[in-house]
Amino acid sequence: MKSIRSICVFCGSNTGYDEKYKKTTIELADYLAVHHYRLVYGGGRLGLMGVLGNEMLNKGGDVLGVIPKVLVNEKLTRISNDKIITTADISERKQYMLDASDAFIALPGGFGTFEEFLTMLSWSQINLHQKPLALLNIDGFYDPLIQLLKQACDAGFAPKENLNLFVSSNHVPELFDQLAKFQHTQPNKWTN
């Protein structure tokens, strides 16, 4: 597998109520900066997205924000114009993020974060990409989603092998160990 240098992080435009989400986001940003990964993210200044981008920039990290035209707003955008790409819409944003990244991590977030993660998972399932995909499962935040994905497999709507298309961990270094070992195997999409 190609080495990972550019990582797209999906995360919320809110910080959540528990301080641990912000704390782990800072830990992730520090890890990315120290290990010289480029961050590809939503480009926002609010929520975990803002925490992540600000921490990376403060550490001198390499940052690329990708924001759809509909969300361009000086209150929402944090980074300078030379570090941001504006796309026509959300679909073009996701395609740009896919093309610009070697791997994906989802931090806790809301509906947009879920949609971005599930899009990349679905695209992996049909072999549109073979890149590592991970959930940073802070304090079990993603346990219900993982359970739902297992339930879809158990009910015959997806092959069980699809559960190998992503990795999950509560700890940043362990998550990167799993990303480094990730091997994409395209399962047969049809179960019956």
N, C-alpha and C. Protein backbone atom coordinates (compact mmCIF):
# COMPACT_ATOMS: atom_id res chain seq x y z
N MET A 1 0.84 -1.19 0.00
CA MET A 1 0.00 0.00 0.00
C MET A 1 0.88 1.25 0.00
N LYS A 2 0.43 2.26 -0.69
CA LYS A 2 1.10 3.56 -0.73
C LYS A 2 1.21 4.14 0.67
N SER A 3 2.30 4.82 0.96
CA SER A 3 2.45 5.40 2.29
C SER A 3 1.46 6.54 2.49
N ILE A 4 1.10 6.76 3.73
CA ILE A 4 0.12 7.78 4.08
C ILE A 4 0.85 9.08 4.42
N ARG A 5 0.58 10.14 3.67
CA ARG A 5 1.15 11.45 3.94
C ARG A 5 0.08 12.51 4.12
N SER A 6 -1.06 12.32 3.51
CA SER A 6 -2.14 13.30 3.54
C SER A 6 -3.39 12.64 4.11
N ILE A 7 -3.89 13.20 5.22
CA ILE A 7 -5.02 12.58 5.91
C ILE A 7 -6.19 13.55 5.97
N CYS A 8 -7.33 13.08 5.48
CA CYS A 8 -8.57 13.86 5.57
C CYS A 8 -9.25 13.52 6.89
N VAL A 9 -9.62 14.55 7.63
CA VAL A 9 -10.32 14.34 8.90
C VAL A 9 -11.70 14.97 8.79
N PHE A 10 -12.72 14.15 9.00
CA PHE A 10 -14.10 14.60 9.07
C PHE A 10 -14.42 14.85 10.54
N CYS A 11 -15.03 15.99 10.84
CA CYS A 11 -15.37 16.28 12.24
C CYS A 11 -16.45 17.35 12.32
N GLY A 12 -16.96 17.52 13.52
CA GLY A 12 -18.09 18.40 13.74
C GLY A 12 -17.76 19.88 13.72
N SER A 13 -18.75 20.67 13.34
CA SER A 13 -18.63 22.13 13.42
C SER A 13 -19.13 22.62 14.78
N ASN A 14 -19.35 21.69 15.68
CA ASN A 14 -19.59 21.96 17.10
C ASN A 14 -18.54 21.17 17.88
N THR A 15 -18.30 21.55 19.12
CA THR A 15 -17.29 20.84 19.91
C THR A 15 -17.88 19.72 20.74
N GLY A 16 -19.22 19.64 20.84
CA GLY A 16 -19.82 18.65 21.72
C GLY A 16 -19.76 19.15 23.16
N TYR A 17 -20.50 18.48 24.03
CA TYR A 17 -20.62 18.94 25.41
C TYR A 17 -19.49 18.47 26.31
N ASP A 18 -18.84 17.39 25.93
CA ASP A 18 -17.79 16.83 26.79
C ASP A 18 -16.43 17.32 26.33
N GLU A 19 -15.62 17.80 27.26
CA GLU A 19 -14.30 18.34 26.97
C GLU A 19 -13.36 17.32 26.34
N LYS A 20 -13.64 16.02 26.53
CA LYS A 20 -12.75 14.98 25.99
C LYS A 20 -12.69 15.01 24.47
N TYR A 21 -13.78 15.46 23.81
CA TYR A 21 -13.77 15.54 22.34
C TYR A 21 -12.73 16.57 21.88
N LYS A 22 -12.72 17.72 22.51
CA LYS A 22 -11.76 18.77 22.18
C LYS A 22 -10.34 18.31 22.52
N LYS A 23 -10.18 17.71 23.68
CA LYS A 23 -8.85 17.25 24.12
C LYS A 23 -8.26 16.25 23.13
N THR A 24 -9.06 15.28 22.69
CA THR A 24 -8.56 14.26 21.76
C THR A 24 -8.32 14.86 20.37
N THR A 25 -9.11 15.85 19.99
CA THR A 25 -8.90 16.53 18.71
C THR A 25 -7.55 17.25 18.72
N ILE A 26 -7.22 17.88 19.82
CA ILE A 26 -5.91 18.54 19.96
C ILE A 26 -4.80 17.49 19.90
N GLU A 27 -5.01 16.36 20.55
CA GLU A 27 -4.02 15.27 20.50
C GLU A 27 -3.82 14.79 19.07
N LEU A 28 -4.91 14.65 18.31
CA LEU A 28 -4.81 14.24 16.91
C LEU A 28 -4.04 15.28 16.10
N ALA A 29 -4.38 16.55 16.26
CA ALA A 29 -3.68 17.61 15.52
C ALA A 29 -2.19 17.60 15.84
N ASP A 30 -1.85 17.45 17.12
CA ASP A 30 -0.44 17.40 17.52
C ASP A 30 0.27 16.22 16.87
N TYR A 31 -0.39 15.06 16.84
CA TYR A 31 0.19 13.86 16.22
C TYR A 31 0.43 14.10 14.73
N LEU A 32 -0.56 14.67 14.06
CA LEU A 32 -0.43 14.95 12.62
C LEU A 32 0.73 15.90 12.36
N ALA A 33 0.83 16.97 13.15
CA ALA A 33 1.88 17.97 12.94
C ALA A 33 3.26 17.39 13.22
N VAL A 34 3.41 16.68 14.35
CA VAL A 34 4.71 16.12 14.74
C VAL A 34 5.21 15.10 13.72
N HIS A 35 4.28 14.33 13.13
CA HIS A 35 4.65 13.29 12.17
C HIS A 35 4.59 13.78 10.72
N HIS A 36 4.40 15.08 10.54
CA HIS A 36 4.47 15.73 9.21
C HIS A 36 3.42 15.22 8.23
N TYR A 37 2.22 14.94 8.73
CA TYR A 37 1.11 14.63 7.84
C TYR A 37 0.48 15.94 7.38
N ARG A 38 -0.03 15.94 6.16
CA ARG A 38 -0.85 17.08 5.72
C ARG A 38 -2.28 16.80 6.16
N LEU A 39 -2.91 17.80 6.72
CA LEU A 39 -4.33 17.72 7.10
C LEU A 39 -5.19 18.26 5.98
N VAL A 40 -6.13 17.45 5.53
CA VAL A 40 -7.19 17.89 4.62
C VAL A 40 -8.46 17.87 5.47
N TYR A 41 -9.17 18.99 5.52
CA TYR A 41 -10.37 19.04 6.36
C TYR A 41 -11.34 20.07 5.80
N GLY A 42 -12.43 20.28 6.50
CA GLY A 42 -13.51 21.13 6.01
C GLY A 42 -13.23 22.61 5.97
N GLY A 43 -12.13 23.07 6.55
CA GLY A 43 -11.74 24.47 6.44
C GLY A 43 -12.43 25.43 7.39
N GLY A 44 -13.27 24.91 8.29
CA GLY A 44 -14.03 25.78 9.17
C GLY A 44 -13.26 26.22 10.40
N ARG A 45 -13.76 27.25 11.06
CA ARG A 45 -13.14 27.77 12.26
C ARG A 45 -13.94 27.43 13.51
N LEU A 46 -15.10 26.79 13.35
CA LEU A 46 -15.96 26.48 14.48
C LEU A 46 -15.85 25.01 14.87
N GLY A 47 -16.20 24.71 16.10
CA GLY A 47 -16.30 23.33 16.56
C GLY A 47 -14.98 22.59 16.55
N LEU A 48 -15.08 21.26 16.48
CA LEU A 48 -13.87 20.43 16.44
C LEU A 48 -13.06 20.74 15.18
N MET A 49 -13.75 21.14 14.11
CA MET A 49 -13.06 21.50 12.88
C MET A 49 -12.12 22.68 13.14
N GLY A 50 -12.61 23.69 13.85
CA GLY A 50 -11.79 24.84 14.17
C GLY A 50 -10.65 24.49 15.12
N VAL A 51 -10.95 23.65 16.11
CA VAL A 51 -9.90 23.21 17.05
C VAL A 51 -8.79 22.50 16.29
N LEU A 52 -9.16 21.59 15.40
CA LEU A 52 -8.20 20.82 14.62
C LEU A 52 -7.35 21.73 13.72
N GLY A 53 -8.01 22.58 12.95
CA GLY A 53 -7.29 23.47 12.04
C GLY A 53 -6.40 24.45 12.77
N ASN A 54 -6.92 25.06 13.83
CA ASN A 54 -6.13 26.03 14.60
C ASN A 54 -4.90 25.38 15.21
N GLU A 55 -5.07 24.22 15.80
CA GLU A 55 -3.95 23.52 16.44
C GLU A 55 -2.88 23.16 15.41
N MET A 56 -3.32 22.68 14.25
CA MET A 56 -2.35 22.34 13.19
C MET A 56 -1.59 23.59 12.73
N LEU A 57 -2.30 24.68 12.50
CA LEU A 57 -1.66 25.91 12.04
C LEU A 57 -0.72 26.46 13.11
N ASN A 58 -1.14 26.41 14.37
CA ASN A 58 -0.30 26.88 15.47
C ASN A 58 0.99 26.08 15.61
N LYS A 59 0.95 24.81 15.20
CA LYS A 59 2.13 23.94 15.25
C LYS A 59 2.95 24.00 13.96
N GLY A 60 2.53 24.84 13.02
CA GLY A 60 3.24 24.95 11.76
C GLY A 60 2.94 23.81 10.80
N GLY A 61 1.82 23.12 11.03
CA GLY A 61 1.45 21.98 10.20
C GLY A 61 0.96 22.38 8.82
N ASP A 62 0.97 21.42 7.92
CA ASP A 62 0.50 21.60 6.54
C ASP A 62 -1.00 21.35 6.52
N VAL A 63 -1.77 22.36 6.12
CA VAL A 63 -3.22 22.31 6.20
C VAL A 63 -3.84 22.69 4.86
N LEU A 64 -4.86 21.93 4.46
CA LEU A 64 -5.66 22.27 3.28
C LEU A 64 -7.13 22.16 3.65
N GLY A 65 -7.83 23.28 3.59
CA GLY A 65 -9.27 23.29 3.83
C GLY A 65 -10.02 23.17 2.51
N VAL A 66 -11.09 22.41 2.52
CA VAL A 66 -11.92 22.23 1.32
C VAL A 66 -13.35 22.56 1.73
N ILE A 67 -13.88 23.64 1.19
CA ILE A 67 -15.18 24.13 1.63
C ILE A 67 -16.08 24.39 0.43
N PRO A 68 -17.34 23.96 0.50
CA PRO A 68 -18.25 24.24 -0.61
C PRO A 68 -18.67 25.72 -0.60
N LYS A 69 -18.94 26.23 -1.77
CA LYS A 69 -19.29 27.64 -1.95
C LYS A 69 -20.41 28.08 -1.00
N VAL A 70 -21.38 27.21 -0.77
CA VAL A 70 -22.53 27.56 0.06
C VAL A 70 -22.12 27.85 1.51
N LEU A 71 -20.97 27.33 1.95
CA LEU A 71 -20.53 27.54 3.33
C LEU A 71 -19.44 28.59 3.47
N VAL A 72 -19.04 29.22 2.36
CA VAL A 72 -18.00 30.24 2.44
C VAL A 72 -18.57 31.47 3.14
N ASN A 73 -17.93 31.80 4.26
CA ASN A 73 -18.41 32.89 5.11
C ASN A 73 -17.26 33.23 6.04
N GLU A 74 -16.95 34.50 6.21
CA GLU A 74 -15.80 34.86 7.04
C GLU A 74 -15.95 34.41 8.49
N LYS A 75 -17.17 34.20 8.95
CA LYS A 75 -17.37 33.71 10.31
C LYS A 75 -17.07 32.21 10.43
N LEU A 76 -17.16 31.51 9.31
CA LEU A 76 -16.97 30.07 9.32
C LEU A 76 -15.58 29.63 8.90
N THR A 77 -14.93 30.41 8.04
CA THR A 77 -13.65 30.00 7.46
C THR A 77 -12.49 30.55 8.28
N ARG A 78 -11.52 29.71 8.58
CA ARG A 78 -10.41 30.11 9.45
C ARG A 78 -9.13 30.39 8.68
N ILE A 79 -8.84 29.64 7.67
CA ILE A 79 -7.50 29.66 7.10
C ILE A 79 -7.41 30.60 5.91
N SER A 80 -6.18 30.99 5.58
CA SER A 80 -5.97 31.95 4.50
C SER A 80 -6.31 31.33 3.14
N ASN A 81 -6.52 32.21 2.17
CA ASN A 81 -6.96 31.77 0.84
C ASN A 81 -5.98 30.82 0.17
N ASP A 82 -4.68 30.91 0.51
CA ASP A 82 -3.73 30.01 -0.14
C ASP A 82 -3.78 28.61 0.43
N LYS A 83 -4.53 28.40 1.50
CA LYS A 83 -4.66 27.07 2.10
C LYS A 83 -6.08 26.54 2.03
N ILE A 84 -6.88 27.13 1.16
CA ILE A 84 -8.28 26.70 1.06
C ILE A 84 -8.70 26.54 -0.40
N ILE A 85 -9.49 25.53 -0.63
CA ILE A 85 -10.08 25.26 -1.94
C ILE A 85 -11.59 25.43 -1.79
N THR A 86 -12.20 26.17 -2.69
CA THR A 86 -13.65 26.33 -2.69
C THR A 86 -14.22 25.48 -3.81
N THR A 87 -15.18 24.63 -3.46
CA THR A 87 -15.82 23.76 -4.45
C THR A 87 -17.23 24.24 -4.75
N ALA A 88 -17.78 23.79 -5.85
CA ALA A 88 -19.12 24.21 -6.27
C ALA A 88 -20.19 23.73 -5.30
N ASP A 89 -20.00 22.51 -4.75
CA ASP A 89 -21.02 21.94 -3.88
C ASP A 89 -20.41 20.86 -2.99
N ILE A 90 -21.25 20.24 -2.18
CA ILE A 90 -20.79 19.21 -1.23
C ILE A 90 -20.23 17.99 -1.97
N SER A 91 -20.88 17.59 -3.04
CA SER A 91 -20.41 16.41 -3.78
C SER A 91 -19.01 16.63 -4.34
N GLU A 92 -18.78 17.80 -4.91
CA GLU A 92 -17.45 18.11 -5.44
C GLU A 92 -16.44 18.19 -4.30
N ARG A 93 -16.86 18.67 -3.14
CA ARG A 93 -15.97 18.73 -1.97
C ARG A 93 -15.49 17.34 -1.59
N LYS A 94 -16.42 16.38 -1.51
CA LYS A 94 -16.05 15.01 -1.12
C LYS A 94 -15.11 14.38 -2.15
N GLN A 95 -15.38 14.63 -3.42
CA GLN A 95 -14.49 14.09 -4.47
C GLN A 95 -13.11 14.71 -4.36
N TYR A 96 -13.04 16.01 -4.10
CA TYR A 96 -11.74 16.67 -3.96
C TYR A 96 -11.00 16.09 -2.76
N MET A 97 -11.70 15.92 -1.65
CA MET A 97 -11.08 15.35 -0.44
C MET A 97 -10.56 13.94 -0.72
N LEU A 98 -11.33 13.16 -1.45
CA LEU A 98 -10.89 11.81 -1.81
C LEU A 98 -9.60 11.87 -2.62
N ASP A 99 -9.57 12.73 -3.62
CA ASP A 99 -8.40 12.82 -4.50
C ASP A 99 -7.17 13.36 -3.77
N ALA A 100 -7.38 14.23 -2.78
CA ALA A 100 -6.27 14.91 -2.10
C ALA A 100 -5.73 14.14 -0.90
N SER A 101 -6.34 13.01 -0.55
CA SER A 101 -6.01 12.33 0.69
C SER A 101 -5.58 10.89 0.47
N ASP A 102 -4.73 10.41 1.39
CA ASP A 102 -4.29 9.02 1.37
C ASP A 102 -5.07 8.16 2.35
N ALA A 103 -5.74 8.80 3.31
CA ALA A 103 -6.50 8.08 4.34
C ALA A 103 -7.52 9.04 4.93
N PHE A 104 -8.48 8.47 5.67
CA PHE A 104 -9.57 9.25 6.25
C PHE A 104 -9.77 8.87 7.71
N ILE A 105 -10.03 9.88 8.54
CA ILE A 105 -10.37 9.66 9.95
C ILE A 105 -11.63 10.46 10.24
N ALA A 106 -12.58 9.84 10.92
CA ALA A 106 -13.77 10.56 11.38
C ALA A 106 -13.68 10.73 12.89
N LEU A 107 -13.68 11.98 13.32
CA LEU A 107 -13.83 12.33 14.72
C LEU A 107 -15.32 12.38 15.03
N PRO A 108 -15.72 12.48 16.28
CA PRO A 108 -17.13 12.70 16.56
C PRO A 108 -17.65 13.94 15.85
N GLY A 109 -18.88 13.86 15.46
CA GLY A 109 -19.52 14.97 14.76
C GLY A 109 -21.00 14.70 14.60
N GLY A 110 -21.63 15.49 13.77
CA GLY A 110 -23.06 15.36 13.54
C GLY A 110 -23.37 14.71 12.21
N PHE A 111 -24.50 15.08 11.66
CA PHE A 111 -25.01 14.41 10.46
C PHE A 111 -24.05 14.53 9.28
N GLY A 112 -23.41 15.70 9.11
CA GLY A 112 -22.48 15.87 7.99
C GLY A 112 -21.28 14.95 8.12
N THR A 113 -20.76 14.82 9.34
CA THR A 113 -19.62 13.92 9.58
C THR A 113 -20.01 12.49 9.28
N PHE A 114 -21.20 12.08 9.73
CA PHE A 114 -21.66 10.71 9.45
C PHE A 114 -21.75 10.49 7.94
N GLU A 115 -22.33 11.47 7.26
CA GLU A 115 -22.53 11.34 5.81
C GLU A 115 -21.19 11.23 5.09
N GLU A 116 -20.21 12.01 5.50
CA GLU A 116 -18.90 11.96 4.86
C GLU A 116 -18.23 10.60 5.08
N PHE A 117 -18.26 10.12 6.33
CA PHE A 117 -17.67 8.81 6.63
C PHE A 117 -18.37 7.72 5.83
N LEU A 118 -19.70 7.72 5.84
CA LEU A 118 -20.44 6.65 5.16
C LEU A 118 -20.27 6.73 3.64
N THR A 119 -20.11 7.93 3.10
CA THR A 119 -19.82 8.05 1.67
C THR A 119 -18.50 7.36 1.33
N MET A 120 -17.46 7.67 2.10
CA MET A 120 -16.16 7.06 1.83
C MET A 120 -16.20 5.55 2.04
N LEU A 121 -16.97 5.09 3.02
CA LEU A 121 -17.13 3.65 3.26
C LEU A 121 -17.86 2.99 2.09
N SER A 122 -18.91 3.62 1.62
CA SER A 122 -19.67 3.10 0.48
C SER A 122 -18.81 3.08 -0.79
N TRP A 123 -18.04 4.13 -1.00
CA TRP A 123 -17.17 4.18 -2.18
C TRP A 123 -16.08 3.12 -2.10
N SER A 124 -15.61 2.83 -0.89
CA SER A 124 -14.62 1.77 -0.71
C SER A 124 -15.23 0.41 -1.04
N GLN A 125 -16.48 0.23 -0.61
CA GLN A 125 -17.18 -1.04 -0.84
C GLN A 125 -17.29 -1.37 -2.32
N ILE A 126 -17.47 -0.35 -3.15
CA ILE A 126 -17.60 -0.61 -4.59
C ILE A 126 -16.30 -0.32 -5.34
N ASN A 127 -15.20 -0.20 -4.56
CA ASN A 127 -13.84 -0.11 -5.11
C ASN A 127 -13.57 1.20 -5.86
N LEU A 128 -14.27 2.28 -5.50
CA LEU A 128 -13.94 3.58 -6.07
C LEU A 128 -12.65 4.11 -5.45
N HIS A 129 -12.31 3.59 -4.29
CA HIS A 129 -11.00 3.87 -3.69
C HIS A 129 -10.63 2.68 -2.82
N GLN A 130 -9.36 2.60 -2.46
CA GLN A 130 -8.86 1.52 -1.61
C GLN A 130 -8.08 2.10 -0.43
N LYS A 131 -8.45 3.28 0.00
CA LYS A 131 -7.72 4.01 1.03
C LYS A 131 -8.22 3.65 2.42
N PRO A 132 -7.32 3.70 3.40
CA PRO A 132 -7.71 3.40 4.78
C PRO A 132 -8.74 4.40 5.30
N LEU A 133 -9.65 3.89 6.09
CA LEU A 133 -10.75 4.67 6.66
C LEU A 133 -10.85 4.31 8.14
N ALA A 134 -10.95 5.32 9.00
CA ALA A 134 -10.92 5.06 10.45
C ALA A 134 -11.92 5.91 11.20
N LEU A 135 -12.39 5.34 12.31
CA LEU A 135 -13.20 6.06 13.27
C LEU A 135 -12.37 6.30 14.52
N LEU A 136 -12.19 7.55 14.91
CA LEU A 136 -11.57 7.85 16.20
C LEU A 136 -12.71 7.83 17.20
N ASN A 137 -12.87 6.69 17.81
CA ASN A 137 -14.06 6.34 18.60
C ASN A 137 -13.91 6.81 20.05
N ILE A 138 -13.88 8.12 20.24
CA ILE A 138 -13.65 8.71 21.55
C ILE A 138 -14.75 8.29 22.51
N ASP A 139 -14.34 7.60 23.56
CA ASP A 139 -15.26 7.16 24.62
C ASP A 139 -16.47 6.41 24.07
N GLY A 140 -16.26 5.64 22.99
CA GLY A 140 -17.35 4.84 22.43
C GLY A 140 -18.37 5.61 21.63
N PHE A 141 -18.03 6.83 21.22
CA PHE A 141 -18.99 7.66 20.47
C PHE A 141 -19.56 6.92 19.28
N TYR A 142 -18.72 6.19 18.56
CA TYR A 142 -19.17 5.52 17.34
C TYR A 142 -19.66 4.08 17.57
N ASP A 143 -19.74 3.63 18.81
CA ASP A 143 -20.24 2.27 19.06
C ASP A 143 -21.61 2.01 18.43
N PRO A 144 -22.59 2.94 18.55
CA PRO A 144 -23.89 2.68 17.92
C PRO A 144 -23.81 2.55 16.39
N LEU A 145 -22.95 3.35 15.75
CA LEU A 145 -22.79 3.24 14.30
C LEU A 145 -22.16 1.90 13.93
N ILE A 146 -21.12 1.51 14.66
CA ILE A 146 -20.47 0.22 14.40
C ILE A 146 -21.48 -0.90 14.58
N GLN A 147 -22.30 -0.80 15.61
CA GLN A 147 -23.34 -1.82 15.85
C GLN A 147 -24.35 -1.84 14.70
N LEU A 148 -24.73 -0.68 14.19
CA LEU A 148 -25.66 -0.61 13.06
C LEU A 148 -25.06 -1.25 11.82
N LEU A 149 -23.78 -1.00 11.56
CA LEU A 149 -23.12 -1.61 10.41
C LEU A 149 -23.07 -3.13 10.56
N LYS A 150 -22.80 -3.61 11.78
CA LYS A 150 -22.82 -5.06 12.03
C LYS A 150 -24.22 -5.62 11.83
N GLN A 151 -25.21 -4.88 12.29
CA GLN A 151 -26.60 -5.33 12.14
C GLN A 151 -26.97 -5.45 10.66
N ALA A 152 -26.51 -4.50 9.82
CA ALA A 152 -26.78 -4.58 8.38
C ALA A 152 -26.17 -5.85 7.79
N CYS A 153 -24.98 -6.22 8.27
CA CYS A 153 -24.34 -7.46 7.81
C CYS A 153 -25.10 -8.68 8.31
N ASP A 154 -25.45 -8.68 9.59
CA ASP A 154 -26.19 -9.82 10.18
C ASP A 154 -27.54 -10.03 9.51
N ALA A 155 -28.15 -8.94 9.04
CA ALA A 155 -29.47 -9.04 8.40
C ALA A 155 -29.37 -9.36 6.92
N GLY A 156 -28.15 -9.48 6.39
CA GLY A 156 -27.99 -9.87 4.99
C GLY A 156 -28.00 -8.72 3.99
N PHE A 157 -27.80 -7.49 4.47
CA PHE A 157 -27.78 -6.34 3.56
C PHE A 157 -26.37 -5.93 3.14
N ALA A 158 -25.39 -6.54 3.74
CA ALA A 158 -23.98 -6.29 3.37
C ALA A 158 -23.18 -7.50 3.82
N PRO A 159 -22.14 -7.86 3.09
CA PRO A 159 -21.31 -8.98 3.53
C PRO A 159 -20.50 -8.60 4.77
N LYS A 160 -20.27 -9.56 5.65
CA LYS A 160 -19.52 -9.31 6.89
C LYS A 160 -18.12 -8.77 6.61
N GLU A 161 -17.55 -9.12 5.47
CA GLU A 161 -16.22 -8.63 5.10
C GLU A 161 -16.17 -7.11 5.01
N ASN A 162 -17.32 -6.47 4.78
CA ASN A 162 -17.36 -5.01 4.69
C ASN A 162 -16.92 -4.35 5.99
N LEU A 163 -17.04 -5.06 7.10
CA LEU A 163 -16.63 -4.50 8.39
C LEU A 163 -15.11 -4.34 8.45
N ASN A 164 -14.38 -4.95 7.51
CA ASN A 164 -12.93 -4.80 7.44
C ASN A 164 -12.50 -3.59 6.60
N LEU A 165 -13.47 -2.84 6.08
CA LEU A 165 -13.15 -1.69 5.24
C LEU A 165 -12.82 -0.45 6.07
N PHE A 166 -12.93 -0.54 7.40
CA PHE A 166 -12.55 0.56 8.27
C PHE A 166 -11.97 0.00 9.55
N VAL A 167 -11.23 0.85 10.25
CA VAL A 167 -10.67 0.50 11.55
C VAL A 167 -11.20 1.49 12.57
N SER A 168 -11.06 1.13 13.85
CA SER A 168 -11.59 1.97 14.91
C SER A 168 -10.73 1.85 16.15
N SER A 169 -10.51 2.97 16.82
CA SER A 169 -9.79 2.97 18.09
C SER A 169 -10.14 4.23 18.86
N ASN A 170 -9.98 4.15 20.17
CA ASN A 170 -10.22 5.26 21.07
C ASN A 170 -8.95 6.09 21.26
N HIS A 171 -7.80 5.56 20.83
CA HIS A 171 -6.51 6.20 21.09
C HIS A 171 -5.81 6.56 19.78
N VAL A 172 -5.27 7.77 19.73
CA VAL A 172 -4.66 8.28 18.49
C VAL A 172 -3.50 7.41 18.01
N PRO A 173 -2.48 7.11 18.83
CA PRO A 173 -1.37 6.30 18.30
C PRO A 173 -1.82 4.92 17.82
N GLU A 174 -2.71 4.28 18.55
CA GLU A 174 -3.21 2.97 18.15
C GLU A 174 -3.96 3.05 16.82
N LEU A 175 -4.71 4.13 16.63
CA LEU A 175 -5.44 4.31 15.37
C LEU A 175 -4.47 4.39 14.20
N PHE A 176 -3.35 5.09 14.39
CA PHE A 176 -2.36 5.21 13.31
C PHE A 176 -1.65 3.89 13.06
N ASP A 177 -1.45 3.09 14.09
CA ASP A 177 -0.91 1.74 13.90
C ASP A 177 -1.85 0.92 13.02
N GLN A 178 -3.14 1.02 13.28
CA GLN A 178 -4.12 0.28 12.49
C GLN A 178 -4.19 0.79 11.05
N LEU A 179 -4.11 2.11 10.88
CA LEU A 179 -4.11 2.67 9.52
C LEU A 179 -2.91 2.17 8.73
N ALA A 180 -1.76 2.09 9.38
CA ALA A 180 -0.54 1.64 8.70
C ALA A 180 -0.64 0.19 8.25
N LYS A 181 -1.42 -0.62 8.97
CA LYS A 181 -1.56 -2.05 8.65
C LYS A 181 -2.75 -2.34 7.73
N PHE A 182 -3.57 -1.33 7.47
CA PHE A 182 -4.80 -1.53 6.71
C PHE A 182 -4.51 -2.10 5.32
N GLN A 183 -5.30 -3.10 4.94
CA GLN A 183 -5.24 -3.67 3.59
C GLN A 183 -6.66 -3.74 3.05
N HIS A 184 -6.90 -3.04 1.96
CA HIS A 184 -8.23 -3.05 1.36
C HIS A 184 -8.48 -4.37 0.65
N THR A 185 -9.58 -4.98 0.96
CA THR A 185 -10.02 -6.16 0.21
C THR A 185 -11.46 -5.90 -0.20
N GLN A 186 -11.69 -5.94 -1.48
CA GLN A 186 -13.04 -5.67 -1.97
C GLN A 186 -13.91 -6.91 -1.82
N PRO A 187 -14.89 -6.83 -0.94
CA PRO A 187 -15.79 -7.97 -0.80
C PRO A 187 -16.79 -8.01 -1.94
N ASN A 188 -17.44 -9.14 -2.05
CA ASN A 188 -18.57 -9.26 -2.96
C ASN A 188 -19.70 -8.45 -2.35
N LYS A 189 -20.18 -7.43 -3.03
CA LYS A 189 -21.20 -6.55 -2.45
C LYS A 189 -22.51 -7.28 -2.17
N TRP A 190 -22.81 -8.31 -2.94
CA TRP A 190 -24.11 -8.97 -2.83
C TRP A 190 -24.04 -10.17 -1.90
N THR A 191 -25.01 -10.28 -1.01
CA THR A 191 -25.03 -11.37 -0.03
C THR A 191 -26.00 -12.47 -0.44
N ASN A 192 -26.94 -12.17 -1.30
CA ASN A 192 -27.93 -13.18 -1.70
C ASN A 192 -28.49 -12.84 -3.07
